[in-house]
Amino acid sequence: MERNQDDINLIYQQTHNDYKGEGSCIMYGDPERGTMYAPIENMPEAIYQTHLARAKKAQKRAARNSILKGLFNQFGIDHLYHVSQQILSSKSGVRNFITPRVKAAQRIDFLHALNQSKIMWD
């Protein structure tokens, strides 16, 4: 399978700095050969697909969190934004978290904006 440069860049971007090198080299574990430091282009297919899926999920999570942070700021409840990713990963998690913490009128407006947002949930 041919590897898309955008996907390679995404994997590299989402890799922690401690595991990055020059170009597109990263450190990763290969069950057959042990820990490797090699270009992403040379990864075995199964490992590549695992890293790509992880990178896409991280990209999606960052986009979701960016929108959520904006909403929390917009409604003046930014002090509540610093919660676990588990709470922020679903609309019901956010709704259940803010319900006892935000006054009704403000909560209704926030939840309406949340419903209108283009957030892609996990």
PDB file of N, CA and C in Angstrom:
ATOM      1  N   MET A   1       0.846  -1.184   0.000  1.00  0.00           N
ATOM      2  CA  MET A   1       0.000   0.000   0.000  1.00  0.00           C
ATOM      3  C   MET A   1       0.892   1.248   0.000  1.00  0.00           C
ATOM      4  N   GLU A   2       0.609   2.165  -0.914  1.00  0.00           N
ATOM      5  CA  GLU A   2       1.389   3.396  -0.997  1.00  0.00           C
ATOM      6  C   GLU A   2       1.050   4.306   0.181  1.00  0.00           C
ATOM      7  N   ARG A   3       2.051   4.960   0.689  1.00  0.00           N
ATOM      8  CA  ARG A   3       1.867   5.804   1.870  1.00  0.00           C
ATOM      9  C   ARG A   3       1.751   7.265   1.466  1.00  0.00           C
ATOM     10  N   ASN A   4       0.700   7.875   1.937  1.00  0.00           N
ATOM     11  CA  ASN A   4       0.390   9.263   1.651  1.00  0.00           C
ATOM     12  C   ASN A   4       1.292  10.176   2.493  1.00  0.00           C
ATOM     13  N   GLN A   5       1.880  11.194   1.873  1.00  0.00           N
ATOM     14  CA  GLN A   5       2.782  12.101   2.593  1.00  0.00           C
ATOM     15  C   GLN A   5       2.048  12.859   3.701  1.00  0.00           C
ATOM     16  N   ASP A   6       0.780  13.188   3.489  1.00  0.00           N
ATOM     17  CA  ASP A   6       0.008  13.869   4.531  1.00  0.00           C
ATOM     18  C   ASP A   6      -0.152  12.982   5.766  1.00  0.00           C
ATOM     19  N   ASP A   7      -0.374  11.689   5.540  1.00  0.00           N
ATOM     20  CA  ASP A   7      -0.492  10.756   6.661  1.00  0.00           C
ATOM     21  C   ASP A   7       0.841  10.598   7.389  1.00  0.00           C
ATOM     22  N   ILE A   8       1.919  10.541   6.635  1.00  0.00           N
ATOM     23  CA  ILE A   8       3.258  10.448   7.235  1.00  0.00           C
ATOM     24  C   ILE A   8       3.527  11.680   8.083  1.00  0.00           C
ATOM     25  N   ASN A   9       3.192  12.855   7.545  1.00  0.00           N
ATOM     26  CA  ASN A   9       3.379  14.103   8.293  1.00  0.00           C
ATOM     27  C   ASN A   9       2.525  14.127   9.551  1.00  0.00           C
ATOM     28  N   LEU A  10       1.299  13.608   9.449  1.00  0.00           N
ATOM     29  CA  LEU A  10       0.415  13.567  10.612  1.00  0.00           C
ATOM     30  C   LEU A  10       0.986  12.662  11.696  1.00  0.00           C
ATOM     31  N   ILE A  11       1.460  11.501  11.322  1.00  0.00           N
ATOM     32  CA  ILE A  11       2.077  10.591  12.296  1.00  0.00           C
ATOM     33  C   ILE A  11       3.264  11.277  12.967  1.00  0.00           C
ATOM     34  N   TYR A  12       4.101  11.919  12.176  1.00  0.00           N
ATOM     35  CA  TYR A  12       5.275  12.596  12.722  1.00  0.00           C
ATOM     36  C   TYR A  12       4.852  13.724  13.670  1.00  0.00           C
ATOM     37  N   GLN A  13       3.867  14.512  13.247  1.00  0.00           N
ATOM     38  CA  GLN A  13       3.395  15.636  14.056  1.00  0.00           C
ATOM     39  C   GLN A  13       2.825  15.154  15.389  1.00  0.00           C
ATOM     40  N   GLN A  14       2.104  14.053  15.389  1.00  0.00           N
ATOM     41  CA  GLN A  14       1.451  13.558  16.594  1.00  0.00           C
ATOM     42  C   GLN A  14       2.363  12.689  17.461  1.00  0.00           C
ATOM     43  N   THR A  15       3.580  12.450  17.023  1.00  0.00           N
ATOM     44  CA  THR A  15       4.535  11.675  17.812  1.00  0.00           C
ATOM     45  C   THR A  15       5.187  12.586  18.838  1.00  0.00           C
ATOM     46  N   HIS A  16       5.324  12.107  20.046  1.00  0.00           N
ATOM     47  CA  HIS A  16       5.948  12.904  21.109  1.00  0.00           C
ATOM     48  C   HIS A  16       7.373  13.276  20.718  1.00  0.00           C
ATOM     49  N   ASN A  17       7.782  14.467  21.097  1.00  0.00           N
ATOM     50  CA  ASN A  17       9.120  14.966  20.744  1.00  0.00           C
ATOM     51  C   ASN A  17      10.251  14.040  21.181  1.00  0.00           C
ATOM     52  N   ASP A  18      10.058  13.327  22.282  1.00  0.00           N
ATOM     53  CA  ASP A  18      11.092  12.418  22.764  1.00  0.00           C
ATOM     54  C   ASP A  18      11.340  11.251  21.805  1.00  0.00           C
ATOM     55  N   TYR A  19      10.389  10.997  20.909  1.00  0.00           N
ATOM     56  CA  TYR A  19      10.501   9.865  19.986  1.00  0.00           C
ATOM     57  C   TYR A  19      10.708  10.289  18.539  1.00  0.00           C
ATOM     58  N   LYS A  20      10.951  11.581  18.310  1.00  0.00           N
ATOM     59  CA  LYS A  20      11.164  12.105  16.963  1.00  0.00           C
ATOM     60  C   LYS A  20      12.636  12.320  16.688  1.00  0.00           C
ATOM     61  N   GLY A  21      12.967  12.216  15.405  1.00  0.00           N
ATOM     62  CA  GLY A  21      14.317  12.524  14.971  1.00  0.00           C
ATOM     63  C   GLY A  21      14.267  13.438  13.768  1.00  0.00           C
ATOM     64  N   GLU A  22      15.321  13.456  13.001  1.00  0.00           N
ATOM     65  CA  GLU A  22      15.391  14.279  11.797  1.00  0.00           C
ATOM     66  C   GLU A  22      14.517  13.680  10.705  1.00  0.00           C
ATOM     67  N   GLY A  23      14.030  14.556   9.838  1.00  0.00           N
ATOM     68  CA  GLY A  23      13.214  14.093   8.724  1.00  0.00           C
ATOM     69  C   GLY A  23      11.935  13.470   9.223  1.00  0.00           C
ATOM     70  N   SER A  24      11.667  12.267   8.809  1.00  0.00           N
ATOM     71  CA  SER A  24      10.453  11.578   9.262  1.00  0.00           C
ATOM     72  C   SER A  24      10.804  10.356  10.108  1.00  0.00           C
ATOM     73  N   CYS A  25      11.938  10.397  10.760  1.00  0.00           N
ATOM     74  CA  CYS A  25      12.351   9.271  11.612  1.00  0.00           C
ATOM     75  C   CYS A  25      11.702   9.376  12.981  1.00  0.00           C
ATOM     76  N   ILE A  26      11.182   8.252  13.427  1.00  0.00           N
ATOM     77  CA  ILE A  26      10.646   8.171  14.783  1.00  0.00           C
ATOM     78  C   ILE A  26      11.077   6.845  15.402  1.00  0.00           C
ATOM     79  N   MET A  27      10.944   6.777  16.710  1.00  0.00           N
ATOM     80  CA  MET A  27      11.238   5.538  17.418  1.00  0.00           C
ATOM     81  C   MET A  27       9.916   4.804  17.626  1.00  0.00           C
ATOM     82  N   TYR A  28       9.917   3.522  17.342  1.00  0.00           N
ATOM     83  CA  TYR A  28       8.721   2.716  17.523  1.00  0.00           C
ATOM     84  C   TYR A  28       9.113   1.279  17.824  1.00  0.00           C
ATOM     85  N   GLY A  29       8.164   0.547  18.377  1.00  0.00           N
ATOM     86  CA  GLY A  29       8.415  -0.846  18.715  1.00  0.00           C
ATOM     87  C   GLY A  29       7.941  -1.781  17.622  1.00  0.00           C
ATOM     88  N   ASP A  30       8.814  -2.683  17.242  1.00  0.00           N
ATOM     89  CA  ASP A  30       8.479  -3.710  16.260  1.00  0.00           C
ATOM     90  C   ASP A  30       8.590  -5.044  16.982  1.00  0.00           C
ATOM     91  N   PRO A  31       7.507  -5.816  17.064  1.00  0.00           N
ATOM     92  CA  PRO A  31       7.540  -7.077  17.811  1.00  0.00           C
ATOM     93  C   PRO A  31       8.601  -8.059  17.320  1.00  0.00           C
ATOM     94  N   GLU A  32       8.928  -7.985  16.042  1.00  0.00           N
ATOM     95  CA  GLU A  32       9.910  -8.925  15.488  1.00  0.00           C
ATOM     96  C   GLU A  32      11.346  -8.433  15.615  1.00  0.00           C
ATOM     97  N   ARG A  33      11.542  -7.110  15.526  1.00  0.00           N
ATOM     98  CA  ARG A  33      12.908  -6.578  15.506  1.00  0.00           C
ATOM     99  C   ARG A  33      13.250  -5.718  16.718  1.00  0.00           C
ATOM    100  N   GLY A  34      12.302  -5.523  17.622  1.00  0.00           N
ATOM    101  CA  GLY A  34      12.564  -4.724  18.815  1.00  0.00           C
ATOM    102  C   GLY A  34      12.311  -3.246  18.558  1.00  0.00           C
ATOM    103  N   THR A  35      12.911  -2.400  19.390  1.00  0.00           N
ATOM    104  CA  THR A  35      12.745  -0.966  19.254  1.00  0.00           C
ATOM    105  C   THR A  35      13.519  -0.477  18.043  1.00  0.00           C
ATOM    106  N   MET A  36      12.829   0.293  17.214  1.00  0.00           N
ATOM    107  CA  MET A  36      13.417   0.772  15.967  1.00  0.00           C
ATOM    108  C   MET A  36      13.466   2.288  15.961  1.00  0.00           C
ATOM    109  N   TYR A  37      14.464   2.819  15.297  1.00  0.00           N
ATOM    110  CA  TYR A  37      14.521   4.248  15.001  1.00  0.00           C
ATOM    111  C   TYR A  37      14.696   4.311  13.494  1.00  0.00           C
ATOM    112  N   ALA A  38      13.601   4.625  12.792  1.00  0.00           N
ATOM    113  CA  ALA A  38      13.630   4.559  11.333  1.00  0.00           C
ATOM    114  C   ALA A  38      12.591   5.506  10.758  1.00  0.00           C
ATOM    115  N   PRO A  39      12.677   5.773   9.459  1.00  0.00           N
ATOM    116  CA  PRO A  39      11.674   6.613   8.808  1.00  0.00           C
ATOM    117  C   PRO A  39      10.296   5.961   8.852  1.00  0.00           C
ATOM    118  N   ILE A  40       9.289   6.780   8.961  1.00  0.00           N
ATOM    119  CA  ILE A  40       7.911   6.292   8.994  1.00  0.00           C
ATOM    120  C   ILE A  40       7.603   5.507   7.723  1.00  0.00           C
ATOM    121  N   GLU A  41       8.176   5.938   6.617  1.00  0.00           N
ATOM    122  CA  GLU A  41       7.940   5.277   5.333  1.00  0.00           C
ATOM    123  C   GLU A  41       8.350   3.809   5.350  1.00  0.00           C
ATOM    124  N   ASN A  42       9.294   3.446   6.218  1.00  0.00           N
ATOM    125  CA  ASN A  42       9.821   2.077   6.260  1.00  0.00           C
ATOM    126  C   ASN A  42       9.153   1.186   7.306  1.00  0.00           C
ATOM    127  N   MET A  43       8.159   1.710   8.008  1.00  0.00           N
ATOM    128  CA  MET A  43       7.476   0.907   9.032  1.00  0.00           C
ATOM    129  C   MET A  43       6.756  -0.274   8.394  1.00  0.00           C
ATOM    130  N   PRO A  44       6.699  -1.389   9.102  1.00  0.00           N
ATOM    131  CA  PRO A  44       5.829  -2.478   8.645  1.00  0.00           C
ATOM    132  C   PRO A  44       4.376  -1.983   8.595  1.00  0.00           C
ATOM    133  N   GLU A  45       3.605  -2.519   7.692  1.00  0.00           N
ATOM    134  CA  GLU A  45       2.244  -2.017   7.440  1.00  0.00           C
ATOM    135  C   GLU A  45       1.364  -2.012   8.691  1.00  0.00           C
ATOM    136  N   ALA A  46       1.384  -3.078   9.477  1.00  0.00           N
ATOM    137  CA  ALA A  46       0.525  -3.147  10.663  1.00  0.00           C
ATOM    138  C   ALA A  46       0.881  -2.039  11.667  1.00  0.00           C
ATOM    139  N   ILE A  47       2.158  -1.804  11.859  1.00  0.00           N
ATOM    140  CA  ILE A  47       2.600  -0.765  12.796  1.00  0.00           C
ATOM    141  C   ILE A  47       2.238   0.616  12.250  1.00  0.00           C
ATOM    142  N   TYR A  48       2.431   0.794  10.943  1.00  0.00           N
ATOM    143  CA  TYR A  48       2.074   2.057  10.288  1.00  0.00           C
ATOM    144  C   TYR A  48       0.593   2.355  10.489  1.00  0.00           C
ATOM    145  N   GLN A  49      -0.266   1.377  10.263  1.00  0.00           N
ATOM    146  CA  GLN A  49      -1.709   1.580  10.398  1.00  0.00           C
ATOM    147  C   GLN A  49      -2.094   1.901  11.850  1.00  0.00           C
ATOM    148  N   THR A  50      -1.416   1.272  12.800  1.00  0.00           N
ATOM    149  CA  THR A  50      -1.677   1.562  14.212  1.00  0.00           C
ATOM    150  C   THR A  50      -1.299   3.000  14.550  1.00  0.00           C
ATOM    151  N   HIS A  51      -0.129   3.432  14.098  1.00  0.00           N
ATOM    152  CA  HIS A  51       0.322   4.807  14.344  1.00  0.00           C
ATOM    153  C   HIS A  51      -0.576   5.809  13.639  1.00  0.00           C
ATOM    154  N   LEU A  52      -1.014   5.479  12.426  1.00  0.00           N
ATOM    155  CA  LEU A  52      -1.886   6.379  11.677  1.00  0.00           C
ATOM    156  C   LEU A  52      -3.235   6.528  12.375  1.00  0.00           C
ATOM    157  N   ALA A  53      -3.810   5.439  12.836  1.00  0.00           N
ATOM    158  CA  ALA A  53      -5.090   5.503  13.551  1.00  0.00           C
ATOM    159  C   ALA A  53      -4.958   6.334  14.824  1.00  0.00           C
ATOM    160  N   ARG A  54      -3.871   6.137  15.553  1.00  0.00           N
ATOM    161  CA  ARG A  54      -3.623   6.898  16.785  1.00  0.00           C
ATOM    162  C   ARG A  54      -3.463   8.389  16.481  1.00  0.00           C
ATOM    163  N   ALA A  55      -2.754   8.708  15.410  1.00  0.00           N
ATOM    164  CA  ALA A  55      -2.533  10.103  15.029  1.00  0.00           C
ATOM    165  C   ALA A  55      -3.832  10.775  14.597  1.00  0.00           C
ATOM    166  N   LYS A  56      -4.660  10.060  13.841  1.00  0.00           N
ATOM    167  CA  LYS A  56      -5.940  10.622  13.413  1.00  0.00           C
ATOM    168  C   LYS A  56      -6.856  10.867  14.605  1.00  0.00           C
ATOM    169  N   LYS A  57      -6.842   9.967  15.566  1.00  0.00           N
ATOM    170  CA  LYS A  57      -7.653  10.147  16.770  1.00  0.00           C
ATOM    171  C   LYS A  57      -7.162  11.358  17.569  1.00  0.00           C
ATOM    172  N   ALA A  58      -5.857  11.529  17.665  1.00  0.00           N
ATOM    173  CA  ALA A  58      -5.297  12.678  18.383  1.00  0.00           C
ATOM    174  C   ALA A  58      -5.652  13.983  17.671  1.00  0.00           C
ATOM    175  N   GLN A  59      -5.629  13.967  16.344  1.00  0.00           N
ATOM    176  CA  GLN A  59      -5.993  15.151  15.567  1.00  0.00           C
ATOM    177  C   GLN A  59      -7.468  15.502  15.790  1.00  0.00           C
ATOM    178  N   LYS A  60      -8.306  14.510  15.789  1.00  0.00           N
ATOM    179  CA  LYS A  60      -9.738  14.701  16.011  1.00  0.00           C
ATOM    180  C   LYS A  60      -9.990  15.243  17.431  1.00  0.00           C
ATOM    181  N   ARG A  61      -9.275  14.695  18.411  1.00  0.00           N
ATOM    182  CA  ARG A  61      -9.408  15.139  19.799  1.00  0.00           C
ATOM    183  C   ARG A  61      -8.968  16.599  19.946  1.00  0.00           C
ATOM    184  N   ALA A  62      -7.882  16.987  19.281  1.00  0.00           N
ATOM    185  CA  ALA A  62      -7.397  18.367  19.350  1.00  0.00           C
ATOM    186  C   ALA A  62      -8.409  19.333  18.735  1.00  0.00           C
ATOM    187  N   ALA A  63      -9.012  18.946  17.615  1.00  0.00           N
ATOM    188  CA  ALA A  63     -10.027  19.789  16.977  1.00  0.00           C
ATOM    189  C   ALA A  63     -11.242  19.939  17.890  1.00  0.00           C
ATOM    190  N   ARG A  64     -11.677  18.824  18.490  1.00  0.00           N
ATOM    191  CA  ARG A  64     -12.815  18.859  19.407  1.00  0.00           C
ATOM    192  C   ARG A  64     -12.519  19.759  20.603  1.00  0.00           C
ATOM    193  N   ASN A  65     -11.340  19.597  21.187  1.00  0.00           N
ATOM    194  CA  ASN A  65     -10.989  20.386  22.364  1.00  0.00           C
ATOM    195  C   ASN A  65     -10.869  21.865  22.051  1.00  0.00           C
ATOM    196  N   SER A  66     -10.424  22.194  20.858  1.00  0.00           N
ATOM    197  CA  SER A  66     -10.323  23.593  20.452  1.00  0.00           C
ATOM    198  C   SER A  66     -11.711  24.236  20.406  1.00  0.00           C
ATOM    199  N   ILE A  67     -12.671  23.537  19.832  1.00  0.00           N
ATOM    200  CA  ILE A  67     -14.044  24.056  19.771  1.00  0.00           C
ATOM    201  C   ILE A  67     -14.641  24.152  21.171  1.00  0.00           C
ATOM    202  N   LEU A  68     -14.451  23.102  21.972  1.00  0.00           N
ATOM    203  CA  LEU A  68     -14.992  23.107  23.330  1.00  0.00           C
ATOM    204  C   LEU A  68     -14.410  24.230  24.170  1.00  0.00           C
ATOM    205  N   LYS A  69     -13.116  24.444  24.062  1.00  0.00           N
ATOM    206  CA  LYS A  69     -12.478  25.513  24.840  1.00  0.00           C
ATOM    207  C   LYS A  69     -13.065  26.862  24.455  1.00  0.00           C
ATOM    208  N   GLY A  70     -13.306  27.058  23.158  1.00  0.00           N
ATOM    209  CA  GLY A  70     -13.935  28.298  22.705  1.00  0.00           C
ATOM    210  C   GLY A  70     -15.329  28.477  23.281  1.00  0.00           C
ATOM    211  N   LEU A  71     -16.102  27.396  23.322  1.00  0.00           N
ATOM    212  CA  LEU A  71     -17.445  27.475  23.899  1.00  0.00           C
ATOM    213  C   LEU A  71     -17.401  27.775  25.393  1.00  0.00           C
ATOM    214  N   PHE A  72     -16.522  27.101  26.094  1.00  0.00           N
ATOM    215  CA  PHE A  72     -16.386  27.353  27.535  1.00  0.00           C
ATOM    216  C   PHE A  72     -16.003  28.812  27.780  1.00  0.00           C
ATOM    217  N   ASN A  73     -15.090  29.339  26.975  1.00  0.00           N
ATOM    218  CA  ASN A  73     -14.687  30.747  27.114  1.00  0.00           C
ATOM    219  C   ASN A  73     -15.849  31.682  26.777  1.00  0.00           C
ATOM    220  N   GLN A  74     -16.546  31.398  25.695  1.00  0.00           N
ATOM    221  CA  GLN A  74     -17.656  32.227  25.233  1.00  0.00           C
ATOM    222  C   GLN A  74     -18.726  32.383  26.314  1.00  0.00           C
ATOM    223  N   PHE A  75     -18.982  31.338  27.056  1.00  0.00           N
ATOM    224  CA  PHE A  75     -20.035  31.380  28.068  1.00  0.00           C
ATOM    225  C   PHE A  75     -19.510  31.661  29.471  1.00  0.00           C
ATOM    226  N   GLY A  76     -18.263  32.032  29.572  1.00  0.00           N
ATOM    227  CA  GLY A  76     -17.694  32.429  30.856  1.00  0.00           C
ATOM    228  C   GLY A  76     -17.535  31.306  31.853  1.00  0.00           C
ATOM    229  N   ILE A  77     -17.413  30.088  31.358  1.00  0.00           N
ATOM    230  CA  ILE A  77     -17.231  28.950  32.269  1.00  0.00           C
ATOM    231  C   ILE A  77     -15.899  28.254  31.981  1.00  0.00           C
ATOM    232  N   ASP A  78     -14.934  29.050  31.513  1.00  0.00           N
ATOM    233  CA  ASP A  78     -13.633  28.490  31.154  1.00  0.00           C
ATOM    234  C   ASP A  78     -12.927  27.856  32.338  1.00  0.00           C
ATOM    235  N   HIS A  79     -13.266  28.247  33.553  1.00  0.00           N
ATOM    236  CA  HIS A  79     -12.660  27.618  34.732  1.00  0.00           C
ATOM    237  C   HIS A  79     -13.071  26.146  34.856  1.00  0.00           C
ATOM    238  N   LEU A  80     -14.148  25.751  34.175  1.00  0.00           N
ATOM    239  CA  LEU A  80     -14.598  24.358  34.209  1.00  0.00           C
ATOM    240  C   LEU A  80     -13.967  23.510  33.109  1.00  0.00           C
ATOM    241  N   TYR A  81     -13.279  24.156  32.168  1.00  0.00           N
ATOM    242  CA  TYR A  81     -12.761  23.433  31.005  1.00  0.00           C
ATOM    243  C   TYR A  81     -11.694  22.405  31.365  1.00  0.00           C
ATOM    244  N   HIS A  82     -10.942  22.635  32.396  1.00  0.00           N
ATOM    245  CA  HIS A  82      -9.808  21.763  32.739  1.00  0.00           C
ATOM    246  C   HIS A  82     -10.289  20.505  33.454  1.00  0.00           C
ATOM    247  N   VAL A  83     -10.880  19.614  32.675  1.00  0.00           N
ATOM    248  CA  VAL A  83     -11.370  18.336  33.193  1.00  0.00           C
ATOM    249  C   VAL A  83     -10.740  17.224  32.367  1.00  0.00           C
ATOM    250  N   SER A  84     -11.057  16.013  32.715  1.00  0.00           N
ATOM    251  CA  SER A  84     -10.451  14.874  32.029  1.00  0.00           C
ATOM    252  C   SER A  84     -10.937  14.747  30.590  1.00  0.00           C
ATOM    253  N   GLN A  85     -10.111  14.111  29.758  1.00  0.00           N
ATOM    254  CA  GLN A  85     -10.482  13.847  28.373  1.00  0.00           C
ATOM    255  C   GLN A  85     -11.678  12.911  28.316  1.00  0.00           C
ATOM    256  N   GLN A  86     -11.854  12.095  29.329  1.00  0.00           N
ATOM    257  CA  GLN A  86     -12.990  11.186  29.357  1.00  0.00           C
ATOM    258  C   GLN A  86     -14.300  11.975  29.392  1.00  0.00           C
ATOM    259  N   ILE A  87     -14.351  13.040  30.170  1.00  0.00           N
ATOM    260  CA  ILE A  87     -15.552  13.869  30.241  1.00  0.00           C
ATOM    261  C   ILE A  87     -15.756  14.607  28.925  1.00  0.00           C
ATOM    262  N   LEU A  88     -14.670  15.125  28.348  1.00  0.00           N
ATOM    263  CA  LEU A  88     -14.770  15.914  27.123  1.00  0.00           C
ATOM    264  C   LEU A  88     -14.991  15.070  25.868  1.00  0.00           C
ATOM    265  N   SER A  89     -14.937  13.760  25.985  1.00  0.00           N
ATOM    266  CA  SER A  89     -14.991  12.909  24.794  1.00  0.00           C
ATOM    267  C   SER A  89     -16.404  12.662  24.265  1.00  0.00           C
ATOM    268  N   SER A  90     -17.426  13.070  25.007  1.00  0.00           N
ATOM    269  CA  SER A  90     -18.789  12.873  24.517  1.00  0.00           C
ATOM    270  C   SER A  90     -19.661  14.059  24.903  1.00  0.00           C
ATOM    271  N   LYS A  91     -20.678  14.286  24.088  1.00  0.00           N
ATOM    272  CA  LYS A  91     -21.615  15.371  24.370  1.00  0.00           C
ATOM    273  C   LYS A  91     -22.311  15.133  25.706  1.00  0.00           C
ATOM    274  N   SER A  92     -22.686  13.896  25.979  1.00  0.00           N
ATOM    275  CA  SER A  92     -23.357  13.606  27.249  1.00  0.00           C
ATOM    276  C   SER A  92     -22.412  13.812  28.423  1.00  0.00           C
ATOM    277  N   GLY A  93     -21.135  13.514  28.244  1.00  0.00           N
ATOM    278  CA  GLY A  93     -20.158  13.741  29.308  1.00  0.00           C
ATOM    279  C   GLY A  93     -20.037  15.210  29.654  1.00  0.00           C
ATOM    280  N   VAL A  94     -19.971  16.056  28.633  1.00  0.00           N
ATOM    281  CA  VAL A  94     -19.887  17.509  28.859  1.00  0.00           C
ATOM    282  C   VAL A  94     -21.171  17.997  29.514  1.00  0.00           C
ATOM    283  N   ARG A  95     -22.311  17.569  28.973  1.00  0.00           N
ATOM    284  CA  ARG A  95     -23.608  17.993  29.513  1.00  0.00           C
ATOM    285  C   ARG A  95     -23.749  17.582  30.975  1.00  0.00           C
ATOM    286  N   ASN A  96     -23.429  16.339  31.287  1.00  0.00           N
ATOM    287  CA  ASN A  96     -23.558  15.856  32.664  1.00  0.00           C
ATOM    288  C   ASN A  96     -22.586  16.543  33.611  1.00  0.00           C
ATOM    289  N   PHE A  97     -21.426  16.946  33.087  1.00  0.00           N
ATOM    290  CA  PHE A  97     -20.446  17.620  33.933  1.00  0.00           C
ATOM    291  C   PHE A  97     -20.881  19.040  34.273  1.00  0.00           C
ATOM    292  N   ILE A  98     -21.379  19.779  33.268  1.00  0.00           N
ATOM    293  CA  ILE A  98     -21.707  21.184  33.538  1.00  0.00           C
ATOM    294  C   ILE A  98     -23.067  21.368  34.206  1.00  0.00           C
ATOM    295  N   THR A  99     -23.976  20.412  34.077  1.00  0.00           N
ATOM    296  CA  THR A  99     -25.345  20.575  34.585  1.00  0.00           C
ATOM    297  C   THR A  99     -25.399  21.026  36.047  1.00  0.00           C
ATOM    298  N   PRO A 100     -24.724  20.381  36.980  1.00  0.00           N
ATOM    299  CA  PRO A 100     -24.834  20.862  38.368  1.00  0.00           C
ATOM    300  C   PRO A 100     -23.945  22.078  38.666  1.00  0.00           C
ATOM    301  N   ARG A 101     -23.126  22.493  37.722  1.00  0.00           N
ATOM    302  CA  ARG A 101     -22.145  23.549  37.984  1.00  0.00           C
ATOM    303  C   ARG A 101     -22.478  24.892  37.347  1.00  0.00           C
ATOM    304  N   VAL A 102     -23.465  24.925  36.444  1.00  0.00           N
ATOM    305  CA  VAL A 102     -23.790  26.143  35.703  1.00  0.00           C
ATOM    306  C   VAL A 102     -25.266  26.461  35.881  1.00  0.00           C
ATOM    307  N   LYS A 103     -25.575  27.750  36.076  1.00  0.00           N
ATOM    308  CA  LYS A 103     -26.961  28.175  36.261  1.00  0.00           C
ATOM    309  C   LYS A 103     -27.792  27.843  35.023  1.00  0.00           C
ATOM    310  N   ALA A 104     -29.074  27.634  35.230  1.00  0.00           N
ATOM    311  CA  ALA A 104     -29.973  27.121  34.189  1.00  0.00           C
ATOM    312  C   ALA A 104     -29.948  27.927  32.901  1.00  0.00           C
ATOM    313  N   ALA A 105     -30.115  29.236  32.965  1.00  0.00           N
ATOM    314  CA  ALA A 105     -30.183  30.051  31.746  1.00  0.00           C
ATOM    315  C   ALA A 105     -28.879  29.956  30.954  1.00  0.00           C
ATOM    316  N   GLN A 106     -27.774  30.057  31.643  1.00  0.00           N
ATOM    317  CA  GLN A 106     -26.458  29.970  30.992  1.00  0.00           C
ATOM    318  C   GLN A 106     -26.231  28.559  30.437  1.00  0.00           C
ATOM    319  N   ARG A 107     -26.682  27.562  31.178  1.00  0.00           N
ATOM    320  CA  ARG A 107     -26.532  26.171  30.751  1.00  0.00           C
ATOM    321  C   ARG A 107     -27.337  25.904  29.479  1.00  0.00           C
ATOM    322  N   ILE A 108     -28.552  26.424  29.405  1.00  0.00           N
ATOM    323  CA  ILE A 108     -29.395  26.228  28.224  1.00  0.00           C
ATOM    324  C   ILE A 108     -28.723  26.821  26.999  1.00  0.00           C
ATOM    325  N   ASP A 109     -28.196  28.030  27.129  1.00  0.00           N
ATOM    326  CA  ASP A 109     -27.504  28.673  26.001  1.00  0.00           C
ATOM    327  C   ASP A 109     -26.250  27.900  25.609  1.00  0.00           C
ATOM    328  N   PHE A 110     -25.505  27.451  26.609  1.00  0.00           N
ATOM    329  CA  PHE A 110     -24.294  26.679  26.327  1.00  0.00           C
ATOM    330  C   PHE A 110     -24.641  25.379  25.604  1.00  0.00           C
ATOM    331  N   LEU A 111     -25.634  24.666  26.100  1.00  0.00           N
ATOM    332  CA  LEU A 111     -26.006  23.390  25.486  1.00  0.00           C
ATOM    333  C   LEU A 111     -26.562  23.584  24.079  1.00  0.00           C
ATOM    334  N   HIS A 112     -27.265  24.689  23.844  1.00  0.00           N
ATOM    335  CA  HIS A 112     -27.738  24.977  22.490  1.00  0.00           C
ATOM    336  C   HIS A 112     -26.539  25.192  21.568  1.00  0.00           C
ATOM    337  N   ALA A 113     -25.568  25.982  22.019  1.00  0.00           N
ATOM    338  CA  ALA A 113     -24.353  26.216  21.215  1.00  0.00           C
ATOM    339  C   ALA A 113     -23.586  24.910  21.006  1.00  0.00           C
ATOM    340  N   LEU A 114     -23.547  24.077  22.019  1.00  0.00           N
ATOM    341  CA  LEU A 114     -22.873  22.781  21.914  1.00  0.00           C
ATOM    342  C   LEU A 114     -23.546  21.913  20.850  1.00  0.00           C
ATOM    343  N   ASN A 115     -24.863  21.906  20.845  1.00  0.00           N
ATOM    344  CA  ASN A 115     -25.606  21.132  19.850  1.00  0.00           C
ATOM    345  C   ASN A 115     -25.412  21.663  18.435  1.00  0.00           C
ATOM    346  N   GLN A 116     -25.217  22.967  18.302  1.00  0.00           N
ATOM    347  CA  GLN A 116     -25.024  23.585  16.997  1.00  0.00           C
ATOM    348  C   GLN A 116     -23.581  23.480  16.490  1.00  0.00           C
ATOM    349  N   SER A 117     -22.666  23.130  17.376  1.00  0.00           N
ATOM    350  CA  SER A 117     -21.258  23.071  17.011  1.00  0.00           C
ATOM    351  C   SER A 117     -20.985  21.911  16.055  1.00  0.00           C
ATOM    352  N   LYS A 118     -19.865  21.989  15.386  1.00  0.00           N
ATOM    353  CA  LYS A 118     -19.466  20.963  14.414  1.00  0.00           C
ATOM    354  C   LYS A 118     -18.488  19.959  15.024  1.00  0.00           C
ATOM    355  N   ILE A 119     -18.641  19.705  16.306  1.00  0.00           N
ATOM    356  CA  ILE A 119     -17.727  18.792  17.005  1.00  0.00           C
ATOM    357  C   ILE A 119     -17.939  17.366  16.529  1.00  0.00           C
ATOM    358  N   MET A 120     -16.823  16.698  16.243  1.00  0.00           N
ATOM    359  CA  MET A 120     -16.853  15.270  15.924  1.00  0.00           C
ATOM    360  C   MET A 120     -16.459  14.525  17.198  1.00  0.00           C
ATOM    361  N   TRP A 121     -17.408  13.841  17.801  1.00  0.00           N
ATOM    362  CA  TRP A 121     -17.187  13.143  19.061  1.00  0.00           C
ATOM    363  C   TRP A 121     -16.525  11.804  18.822  1.00  0.00           C
ATOM    364  N   ASP A 122     -15.902  11.267  19.861  1.00  0.00           N
ATOM    365  CA  ASP A 122     -15.235   9.955  19.786  1.00  0.00           C
ATOM    366  C   ASP A 122     -16.205   8.851  19.464  1.00  0.00           C
TER     367      ASP A 122
END
